[in-house]
Amino acid sequence: MGPMTTIVAFHAHADDPVLLSGGTLARAAADGHRVVVVVATDGMAAEHPTPRWAELEASAAILGVRRVVHLGYADSGHGPELYADPPGRQRFARADTEEAAHRLAAILHEERADLLLGYDANGGYGHRDHVKVHDVARRAARLTGTRLLEATLPRDFASRFVRVLRALRIPFDYDTEALERAYSPASAVTHRFDVRRFAGRKQAALAAHVSDVRGTGRLAAVLRLLVWLPAPLFAVVAGREWYVEVTPVRSAPALQVPARSRRR
């Protein structure tokens, strides 16, 4: 990256920016780069506001993020059933990929982004909104010619982490066999960032997501463990981040669909 670049990190949900790329964002911000976070879904439960957006803004501020944008979609949830769209909004998994990519591309143009962060082909662990982030980010990168890095974990690291959780009897409601196919093989990883120097900031940003850490979601027990770990141990566990670089080939003329994202 040059002396001053703009990085746009595209994520599915409010708590996602920290987990796979929080150290990268903090490191980039500390080095003087402009960091923007775009989140596909707003964290609302039906039409009832939740604290998740305010927690995202607080978390992003800790990381040094300069702007947070909501792309305009509703959370698709997990499990076999995809529920009906809430009034006035579409669940992200149902969104037209081309339209969503144009919304994101408009932000990339507005920010004159040098780098886009997305998710790997598996959407990490396979959440339907994460897979959609992968598809939309790839298309937006092609529309704009923006350099794209896809956040991931090496599968062997993910497997070791799950084994440790099992040994510690930490509740972890995921299919172990499915996780063996999640994320990316180590051979696909192109960038490995040492962010241990920013582990304290990453841990504090994670702790800002109070409703997720104290909640009853599938990852809540793991999040509590990460937040409560002594700082040096957290740096060992979460002090490295991995990406797969994708070379976009610009494949479309100027944007045709105006962005309907809104700044929060």
C-alpha atoms as a PDB file:
ATOM      1  CA  MET A   1       0.000   0.000   0.000  1.00  0.00           C
ATOM      2  CA  GLY A   2       1.067   3.561  -0.653  1.00  0.00           C
ATOM      3  CA  PRO A   3       1.673   6.264   1.948  1.00  0.00           C
ATOM      4  CA  MET A   4      -2.076   6.932   2.270  1.00  0.00           C
ATOM      5  CA  THR A   5      -4.697   4.505   0.972  1.00  0.00           C
ATOM      6  CA  THR A   6      -8.376   3.883   1.593  1.00  0.00           C
ATOM      7  CA  ILE A   7      -9.473   0.437   2.722  1.00  0.00           C
ATOM      8  CA  VAL A   8     -13.124  -0.621   2.609  1.00  0.00           C
ATOM      9  CA  ALA A   9     -13.949  -3.685   4.697  1.00  0.00           C
ATOM     10  CA  PHE A  10     -17.240  -5.328   3.700  1.00  0.00           C
ATOM     11  CA  HIS A  11     -18.913  -7.501   6.321  1.00  0.00           C
ATOM     12  CA  ALA A  12     -22.233  -9.254   6.844  1.00  0.00           C
ATOM     13  CA  HIS A  13     -23.179  -8.423  10.449  1.00  0.00           C
ATOM     14  CA  ALA A  14     -22.376  -5.865  13.110  1.00  0.00           C
ATOM     15  CA  ASP A  15     -19.952  -8.060  15.080  1.00  0.00           C
ATOM     16  CA  ASP A  16     -18.097  -9.439  12.049  1.00  0.00           C
ATOM     17  CA  PRO A  17     -15.505  -6.681  11.414  1.00  0.00           C
ATOM     18  CA  VAL A  18     -13.590  -7.566  14.582  1.00  0.00           C
ATOM     19  CA  LEU A  19     -13.340 -11.328  14.367  1.00  0.00           C
ATOM     20  CA  LEU A  20     -11.395 -11.905  11.141  1.00  0.00           C
ATOM     21  CA  SER A  21     -10.024  -8.470  10.318  1.00  0.00           C
ATOM     22  CA  GLY A  22     -10.053  -6.298  13.454  1.00  0.00           C
ATOM     23  CA  GLY A  23      -6.286  -6.356  13.831  1.00  0.00           C
ATOM     24  CA  THR A  24      -5.776  -5.556  10.156  1.00  0.00           C
ATOM     25  CA  LEU A  25      -8.115  -2.566  10.389  1.00  0.00           C
ATOM     26  CA  ALA A  26      -6.462  -1.280  13.564  1.00  0.00           C
ATOM     27  CA  ARG A  27      -3.002  -1.683  12.070  1.00  0.00           C
ATOM     28  CA  ALA A  28      -4.002   0.106   8.855  1.00  0.00           C
ATOM     29  CA  ALA A  29      -5.620   2.967  10.760  1.00  0.00           C
ATOM     30  CA  ALA A  30      -2.573   3.343  12.995  1.00  0.00           C
ATOM     31  CA  ASP A  31      -0.379   3.522   9.887  1.00  0.00           C
ATOM     32  CA  GLY A  32      -2.404   6.479   8.611  1.00  0.00           C
ATOM     33  CA  HIS A  33      -4.720   4.775   6.117  1.00  0.00           C
ATOM     34  CA  ARG A  34      -8.406   5.637   5.869  1.00  0.00           C
ATOM     35  CA  VAL A  35     -10.520   2.680   6.993  1.00  0.00           C
ATOM     36  CA  VAL A  36     -14.209   2.360   6.120  1.00  0.00           C
ATOM     37  CA  VAL A  37     -16.500  -0.463   7.244  1.00  0.00           C
ATOM     38  CA  VAL A  38     -19.558  -1.420   5.175  1.00  0.00           C
ATOM     39  CA  VAL A  39     -22.012  -3.811   6.813  1.00  0.00           C
ATOM     40  CA  ALA A  40     -24.672  -5.538   4.717  1.00  0.00           C
ATOM     41  CA  THR A  41     -27.227  -5.971   7.512  1.00  0.00           C
ATOM     42  CA  ASP A  42     -28.233  -3.607  10.283  1.00  0.00           C
ATOM     43  CA  GLY A  43     -28.638  -5.955  13.240  1.00  0.00           C
ATOM     44  CA  MET A  44     -32.294  -5.090  13.838  1.00  0.00           C
ATOM     45  CA  ALA A  45     -34.697  -7.751  15.088  1.00  0.00           C
ATOM     46  CA  ALA A  46     -37.677  -7.411  12.746  1.00  0.00           C
ATOM     47  CA  GLU A  47     -38.459  -3.694  13.057  1.00  0.00           C
ATOM     48  CA  HIS A  48     -37.284  -3.318  16.635  1.00  0.00           C
ATOM     49  CA  PRO A  49     -33.987  -1.473  17.084  1.00  0.00           C
ATOM     50  CA  THR A  50     -31.297  -3.336  18.980  1.00  0.00           C
ATOM     51  CA  PRO A  51     -28.038  -2.106  20.527  1.00  0.00           C
ATOM     52  CA  ARG A  52     -25.972  -3.860  17.848  1.00  0.00           C
ATOM     53  CA  TRP A  53     -25.509  -0.839  15.604  1.00  0.00           C
ATOM     54  CA  ALA A  54     -24.370   1.433  18.442  1.00  0.00           C
ATOM     55  CA  GLU A  55     -22.041  -1.352  19.561  1.00  0.00           C
ATOM     56  CA  LEU A  56     -20.635  -1.578  16.041  1.00  0.00           C
ATOM     57  CA  GLU A  57     -19.930   2.157  15.979  1.00  0.00           C
ATOM     58  CA  ALA A  58     -18.211   1.952  19.368  1.00  0.00           C
ATOM     59  CA  SER A  59     -16.184  -1.079  18.275  1.00  0.00           C
ATOM     60  CA  ALA A  60     -15.221   0.567  14.982  1.00  0.00           C
ATOM     61  CA  ALA A  61     -14.059   3.705  16.795  1.00  0.00           C
ATOM     62  CA  ILE A  62     -11.732   1.600  18.955  1.00  0.00           C
ATOM     63  CA  LEU A  63     -10.192   0.130  15.785  1.00  0.00           C
ATOM     64  CA  GLY A  64      -9.731   3.577  14.222  1.00  0.00           C
ATOM     65  CA  VAL A  65     -12.428   3.199  11.564  1.00  0.00           C
ATOM     66  CA  ARG A  66     -13.357   6.554  10.022  1.00  0.00           C
ATOM     67  CA  ARG A  67     -16.790   5.717   8.614  1.00  0.00           C
ATOM     68  CA  VAL A  68     -19.423   2.986   9.056  1.00  0.00           C
ATOM     69  CA  VAL A  69     -22.039   2.402   6.349  1.00  0.00           C
ATOM     70  CA  HIS A  70     -25.086   0.131   6.222  1.00  0.00           C
ATOM     71  CA  LEU A  71     -25.753  -1.342   2.788  1.00  0.00           C
ATOM     72  CA  GLY A  72     -29.507  -1.507   3.412  1.00  0.00           C
ATOM     73  CA  TYR A  73     -30.416  -5.177   3.957  1.00  0.00           C
ATOM     74  CA  ALA A  74     -31.874  -7.250   6.780  1.00  0.00           C
ATOM     75  CA  ASP A  75     -30.100 -10.127   8.546  1.00  0.00           C
ATOM     76  CA  SER A  76     -30.992 -13.495   6.998  1.00  0.00           C
ATOM     77  CA  GLY A  77     -30.521 -15.494  10.180  1.00  0.00           C
ATOM     78  CA  HIS A  78     -29.171 -19.052  10.311  1.00  0.00           C
ATOM     79  CA  GLY A  79     -30.735 -22.469  10.262  1.00  0.00           C
ATOM     80  CA  PRO A  80     -32.678 -24.276   7.545  1.00  0.00           C
ATOM     81  CA  GLU A  81     -35.534 -21.775   7.273  1.00  0.00           C
ATOM     82  CA  LEU A  82     -35.117 -18.385   5.607  1.00  0.00           C
ATOM     83  CA  TYR A  83     -37.885 -16.262   7.073  1.00  0.00           C
ATOM     84  CA  ALA A  84     -40.008 -13.753   5.180  1.00  0.00           C
ATOM     85  CA  ASP A  85     -38.567 -10.310   4.611  1.00  0.00           C
ATOM     86  CA  PRO A  86     -39.372  -7.729   7.296  1.00  0.00           C
ATOM     87  CA  PRO A  87     -41.461  -4.740   6.188  1.00  0.00           C
ATOM     88  CA  GLY A  88     -39.543  -2.374   3.947  1.00  0.00           C
ATOM     89  CA  ARG A  89     -36.346  -4.390   3.786  1.00  0.00           C
ATOM     90  CA  GLN A  90     -35.032  -7.468   2.013  1.00  0.00           C
ATOM     91  CA  ARG A  91     -33.026 -10.192   3.695  1.00  0.00           C
ATOM     92  CA  PHE A  92     -29.480 -10.084   2.369  1.00  0.00           C
ATOM     93  CA  ALA A  93     -29.469 -13.718   1.248  1.00  0.00           C
ATOM     94  CA  ARG A  94     -32.375 -12.913  -1.091  1.00  0.00           C
ATOM     95  CA  ALA A  95     -30.780  -9.779  -2.514  1.00  0.00           C
ATOM     96  CA  ASP A  96     -29.962  -9.585  -6.187  1.00  0.00           C
ATOM     97  CA  THR A  97     -26.171  -9.931  -6.303  1.00  0.00           C
ATOM     98  CA  GLU A  98     -25.815  -7.427  -9.106  1.00  0.00           C
ATOM     99  CA  GLU A  99     -27.848  -4.747  -7.354  1.00  0.00           C
ATOM    100  CA  ALA A 100     -26.021  -5.265  -4.046  1.00  0.00           C
ATOM    101  CA  ALA A 101     -22.667  -5.158  -5.856  1.00  0.00           C
ATOM    102  CA  HIS A 102     -23.611  -1.836  -7.451  1.00  0.00           C
ATOM    103  CA  ARG A 103     -24.482  -0.409  -4.044  1.00  0.00           C
ATOM    104  CA  LEU A 104     -21.083  -1.483  -2.732  1.00  0.00           C
ATOM    105  CA  ALA A 105     -19.306  -0.321  -5.891  1.00  0.00           C
ATOM    106  CA  ALA A 106     -20.838   3.135  -5.490  1.00  0.00           C
ATOM    107  CA  ILE A 107     -19.238   3.362  -2.040  1.00  0.00           C
ATOM    108  CA  LEU A 108     -15.910   2.197  -3.462  1.00  0.00           C
ATOM    109  CA  HIS A 109     -16.120   4.973  -6.059  1.00  0.00           C
ATOM    110  CA  GLU A 110     -17.160   7.561  -3.476  1.00  0.00           C
ATOM    111  CA  GLU A 111     -14.287   6.617  -1.191  1.00  0.00           C
ATOM    112  CA  ARG A 112     -11.825   6.125  -4.073  1.00  0.00           C
ATOM    113  CA  ALA A 113     -10.977   2.853  -2.399  1.00  0.00           C
ATOM    114  CA  ASP A 114      -7.606   1.233  -3.038  1.00  0.00           C
ATOM    115  CA  LEU A 115      -8.428  -2.051  -1.313  1.00  0.00           C
ATOM    116  CA  LEU A 116     -11.587  -4.035  -0.589  1.00  0.00           C
ATOM    117  CA  LEU A 117     -11.785  -6.716   2.093  1.00  0.00           C
ATOM    118  CA  GLY A 118     -14.390  -9.469   1.636  1.00  0.00           C
ATOM    119  CA  TYR A 119     -14.841 -13.127   2.630  1.00  0.00           C
ATOM    120  CA  ASP A 120     -13.491 -16.339   1.163  1.00  0.00           C
ATOM    121  CA  ALA A 121     -15.499 -18.591  -1.160  1.00  0.00           C
ATOM    122  CA  ASN A 122     -17.005 -20.525   1.761  1.00  0.00           C
ATOM    123  CA  GLY A 123     -18.139 -17.371   3.502  1.00  0.00           C
ATOM    124  CA  GLY A 124     -15.891 -18.477   6.350  1.00  0.00           C
ATOM    125  CA  TYR A 125     -18.027 -21.048   8.147  1.00  0.00           C
ATOM    126  CA  GLY A 126     -20.832 -20.986   5.567  1.00  0.00           C
ATOM    127  CA  HIS A 127     -23.430 -18.558   6.960  1.00  0.00           C
ATOM    128  CA  ARG A 128     -25.733 -17.606   4.083  1.00  0.00           C
ATOM    129  CA  ASP A 129     -25.056 -13.871   4.585  1.00  0.00           C
ATOM    130  CA  HIS A 130     -21.298 -14.489   4.585  1.00  0.00           C
ATOM    131  CA  VAL A 131     -21.487 -16.421   1.332  1.00  0.00           C
ATOM    132  CA  LYS A 132     -23.444 -13.509  -0.112  1.00  0.00           C
ATOM    133  CA  VAL A 133     -20.713 -11.088   1.031  1.00  0.00           C
ATOM    134  CA  HIS A 134     -18.226 -13.173  -0.925  1.00  0.00           C
ATOM    135  CA  ASP A 135     -20.319 -13.019  -4.097  1.00  0.00           C
ATOM    136  CA  VAL A 136     -21.134  -9.317  -3.797  1.00  0.00           C
ATOM    137  CA  ALA A 137     -17.561  -8.286  -2.973  1.00  0.00           C
ATOM    138  CA  ARG A 138     -16.167 -10.192  -5.956  1.00  0.00           C
ATOM    139  CA  ARG A 139     -18.673  -8.591  -8.296  1.00  0.00           C
ATOM    140  CA  ALA A 140     -18.063  -5.089  -6.885  1.00  0.00           C
ATOM    141  CA  ALA A 141     -14.316  -5.592  -7.269  1.00  0.00           C
ATOM    142  CA  ARG A 142     -14.822  -6.502 -10.922  1.00  0.00           C
ATOM    143  CA  LEU A 143     -17.097  -3.505 -11.468  1.00  0.00           C
ATOM    144  CA  THR A 144     -14.517  -1.097 -10.075  1.00  0.00           C
ATOM    145  CA  GLY A 145     -11.185  -2.855 -10.599  1.00  0.00           C
ATOM    146  CA  THR A 146     -10.495  -2.593  -6.855  1.00  0.00           C
ATOM    147  CA  ARG A 147      -7.868  -4.848  -5.326  1.00  0.00           C
ATOM    148  CA  LEU A 148      -9.602  -7.541  -3.258  1.00  0.00           C
ATOM    149  CA  LEU A 149      -8.422  -9.504  -0.233  1.00  0.00           C
ATOM    150  CA  GLU A 150     -10.753 -12.139   1.191  1.00  0.00           C
ATOM    151  CA  ALA A 151     -10.578 -12.698   4.954  1.00  0.00           C
ATOM    152  CA  THR A 152     -10.269 -16.335   5.967  1.00  0.00           C
ATOM    153  CA  LEU A 153      -8.669 -18.809   8.365  1.00  0.00           C
ATOM    154  CA  PRO A 154      -6.400 -21.691   7.432  1.00  0.00           C
ATOM    155  CA  ARG A 155      -8.472 -24.829   7.948  1.00  0.00           C
ATOM    156  CA  ASP A 156      -5.843 -26.463  10.124  1.00  0.00           C
ATOM    157  CA  PHE A 157      -5.885 -23.453  12.474  1.00  0.00           C
ATOM    158  CA  ALA A 158      -9.696 -23.528  12.644  1.00  0.00           C
ATOM    159  CA  SER A 159      -9.627 -27.271  13.390  1.00  0.00           C
ATOM    160  CA  ARG A 160      -7.070 -26.854  16.187  1.00  0.00           C
ATOM    161  CA  PHE A 161      -9.115 -24.018  17.705  1.00  0.00           C
ATOM    162  CA  VAL A 162     -12.267 -26.156  17.697  1.00  0.00           C
ATOM    163  CA  ARG A 163     -10.405 -29.040  19.348  1.00  0.00           C
ATOM    164  CA  VAL A 164      -9.252 -26.695  22.125  1.00  0.00           C
ATOM    165  CA  LEU A 165     -12.831 -25.491  22.652  1.00  0.00           C
ATOM    166  CA  ARG A 166     -14.035 -29.084  22.891  1.00  0.00           C
ATOM    167  CA  ALA A 167     -11.280 -29.938  25.387  1.00  0.00           C
ATOM    168  CA  LEU A 168     -12.260 -26.938  27.522  1.00  0.00           C
ATOM    169  CA  ARG A 169     -15.929 -27.943  27.273  1.00  0.00           C
ATOM    170  CA  ILE A 170     -16.815 -24.562  25.780  1.00  0.00           C
ATOM    171  CA  PRO A 171     -20.255 -24.788  24.096  1.00  0.00           C
ATOM    172  CA  PHE A 172     -19.750 -24.635  20.353  1.00  0.00           C
ATOM    173  CA  ASP A 173     -22.857 -25.468  18.358  1.00  0.00           C
ATOM    174  CA  TYR A 174     -21.325 -26.123  14.941  1.00  0.00           C
ATOM    175  CA  ASP A 175     -20.986 -29.221  12.833  1.00  0.00           C
ATOM    176  CA  THR A 176     -17.354 -30.296  13.233  1.00  0.00           C
ATOM    177  CA  GLU A 177     -17.356 -32.144   9.908  1.00  0.00           C
ATOM    178  CA  ALA A 178     -18.709 -29.063   8.133  1.00  0.00           C
ATOM    179  CA  LEU A 179     -15.951 -26.962   9.669  1.00  0.00           C
ATOM    180  CA  GLU A 180     -13.405 -29.283   8.071  1.00  0.00           C
ATOM    181  CA  ARG A 181     -14.632 -27.938   4.726  1.00  0.00           C
ATOM    182  CA  ALA A 182     -14.979 -24.323   5.875  1.00  0.00           C
ATOM    183  CA  TYR A 183     -12.589 -21.419   5.423  1.00  0.00           C
ATOM    184  CA  SER A 184      -9.551 -22.056   3.178  1.00  0.00           C
ATOM    185  CA  PRO A 185      -6.742 -24.571   2.810  1.00  0.00           C
ATOM    186  CA  ALA A 186      -3.418 -23.137   3.940  1.00  0.00           C
ATOM    187  CA  SER A 187      -2.122 -23.372   0.374  1.00  0.00           C
ATOM    188  CA  ALA A 188      -4.713 -20.799  -0.753  1.00  0.00           C
ATOM    189  CA  VAL A 189      -3.669 -18.150   1.776  1.00  0.00           C
ATOM    190  CA  THR A 190      -1.677 -15.333   0.160  1.00  0.00           C
ATOM    191  CA  HIS A 191      -1.330 -12.847   3.050  1.00  0.00           C
ATOM    192  CA  ARG A 192      -0.578 -13.475   6.715  1.00  0.00           C
ATOM    193  CA  PHE A 193      -0.609 -10.375   8.910  1.00  0.00           C
ATOM    194  CA  ASP A 194       0.983 -10.232  12.338  1.00  0.00           C
ATOM    195  CA  VAL A 195      -1.343  -7.991  14.349  1.00  0.00           C
ATOM    196  CA  ARG A 196      -0.236  -8.948  17.847  1.00  0.00           C
ATOM    197  CA  ARG A 197       0.742  -5.326  18.500  1.00  0.00           C
ATOM    198  CA  PHE A 198      -2.932  -4.433  18.091  1.00  0.00           C
ATOM    199  CA  ALA A 199      -4.374  -7.401  19.959  1.00  0.00           C
ATOM    200  CA  GLY A 200      -5.392  -5.233  22.926  1.00  0.00           C
ATOM    201  CA  ARG A 201      -7.343  -2.935  20.642  1.00  0.00           C
ATOM    202  CA  LYS A 202      -8.928  -5.908  18.882  1.00  0.00           C
ATOM    203  CA  GLN A 203      -9.973  -7.448  22.197  1.00  0.00           C
ATOM    204  CA  ALA A 204     -11.460  -4.142  23.393  1.00  0.00           C
ATOM    205  CA  ALA A 205     -13.348  -3.779  20.109  1.00  0.00           C
ATOM    206  CA  LEU A 206     -14.748  -7.279  20.558  1.00  0.00           C
ATOM    207  CA  ALA A 207     -15.800  -6.480  24.123  1.00  0.00           C
ATOM    208  CA  ALA A 208     -17.765  -3.478  22.803  1.00  0.00           C
ATOM    209  CA  HIS A 209     -20.263  -5.919  21.262  1.00  0.00           C
ATOM    210  CA  VAL A 210     -21.941  -6.356  24.625  1.00  0.00           C
ATOM    211  CA  SER A 211     -25.211  -7.839  23.376  1.00  0.00           C
ATOM    212  CA  ASP A 212     -23.361 -10.577  21.482  1.00  0.00           C
ATOM    213  CA  VAL A 213     -20.852 -11.319  24.239  1.00  0.00           C
ATOM    214  CA  ARG A 214     -23.525 -11.512  26.933  1.00  0.00           C
ATOM    215  CA  GLY A 215     -26.164 -13.081  24.700  1.00  0.00           C
ATOM    216  CA  THR A 216     -27.224 -16.634  24.011  1.00  0.00           C
ATOM    217  CA  GLY A 217     -26.148 -16.948  20.384  1.00  0.00           C
ATOM    218  CA  ARG A 218     -24.133 -19.838  19.014  1.00  0.00           C
ATOM    219  CA  LEU A 219     -20.867 -17.961  19.422  1.00  0.00           C
ATOM    220  CA  ALA A 220     -21.625 -16.233  22.727  1.00  0.00           C
ATOM    221  CA  ALA A 221     -19.604 -18.621  24.909  1.00  0.00           C
ATOM    222  CA  VAL A 222     -16.611 -18.380  22.562  1.00  0.00           C
ATOM    223  CA  LEU A 223     -16.835 -14.588  22.493  1.00  0.00           C
ATOM    224  CA  ARG A 224     -16.886 -14.482  26.294  1.00  0.00           C
ATOM    225  CA  LEU A 225     -13.828 -16.693  26.420  1.00  0.00           C
ATOM    226  CA  LEU A 226     -11.963 -14.410  24.001  1.00  0.00           C
ATOM    227  CA  VAL A 227     -12.937 -11.252  25.900  1.00  0.00           C
ATOM    228  CA  TRP A 228     -11.928 -12.726  29.257  1.00  0.00           C
ATOM    229  CA  LEU A 229      -8.583 -14.122  28.134  1.00  0.00           C
ATOM    230  CA  PRO A 230      -5.501 -12.384  29.571  1.00  0.00           C
ATOM    231  CA  ALA A 231      -4.153  -9.961  26.976  1.00  0.00           C
ATOM    232  CA  PRO A 232      -0.946 -11.932  26.202  1.00  0.00           C
ATOM    233  CA  LEU A 233      -2.948 -15.129  25.628  1.00  0.00           C
ATOM    234  CA  PHE A 234      -5.487 -13.298  23.457  1.00  0.00           C
ATOM    235  CA  ALA A 235      -2.565 -12.043  21.352  1.00  0.00           C
ATOM    236  CA  VAL A 236      -1.429 -15.634  20.827  1.00  0.00           C
ATOM    237  CA  VAL A 237      -4.916 -16.791  19.826  1.00  0.00           C
ATOM    238  CA  ALA A 238      -6.049 -13.790  17.766  1.00  0.00           C
ATOM    239  CA  GLY A 239      -2.830 -12.006  16.847  1.00  0.00           C
ATOM    240  CA  ARG A 240      -2.638 -13.209  13.252  1.00  0.00           C
ATOM    241  CA  GLU A 241      -5.056 -12.676  10.383  1.00  0.00           C
ATOM    242  CA  TRP A 242      -5.167 -14.353   6.976  1.00  0.00           C
ATOM    243  CA  TYR A 243      -6.366 -13.378   3.498  1.00  0.00           C
ATOM    244  CA  VAL A 244      -6.685 -14.742   0.005  1.00  0.00           C
ATOM    245  CA  GLU A 245      -5.960 -12.170  -2.699  1.00  0.00           C
ATOM    246  CA  VAL A 246      -8.192 -12.115  -5.770  1.00  0.00           C
ATOM    247  CA  THR A 247      -7.179 -10.266  -8.901  1.00  0.00           C
ATOM    248  CA  PRO A 248     -10.296  -8.546 -10.230  1.00  0.00           C
ATOM    249  CA  VAL A 249     -10.816  -8.100 -13.949  1.00  0.00           C
ATOM    250  CA  ARG A 250     -12.923  -5.073 -14.631  1.00  0.00           C
ATOM    251  CA  SER A 251     -15.909  -6.391 -16.534  1.00  0.00           C
ATOM    252  CA  ALA A 252     -18.549  -3.677 -16.729  1.00  0.00           C
ATOM    253  CA  PRO A 253     -18.882  -0.002 -17.667  1.00  0.00           C
ATOM    254  CA  ALA A 254     -19.828   2.792 -15.314  1.00  0.00           C
ATOM    255  CA  LEU A 255     -22.434   2.068 -12.651  1.00  0.00           C
ATOM    256  CA  GLN A 256     -26.066   1.905 -13.712  1.00  0.00           C
ATOM    257  CA  VAL A 257     -27.749   1.460 -10.313  1.00  0.00           C
ATOM    258  CA  PRO A 258     -27.433   4.251  -7.736  1.00  0.00           C
ATOM    259  CA  ALA A 259     -26.385   3.205  -4.244  1.00  0.00           C
ATOM    260  CA  ARG A 260     -29.163   3.158  -1.678  1.00  0.00           C
ATOM    261  CA  SER A 261     -26.870   2.653   1.266  1.00  0.00           C
ATOM    262  CA  ARG A 262     -27.114   5.037   4.139  1.00  0.00           C
ATOM    263  CA  ARG A 263     -24.486   6.412   6.442  1.00  0.00           C
ATOM    264  CA  ARG A 264     -25.126   5.730  10.101  1.00  0.00           C
END
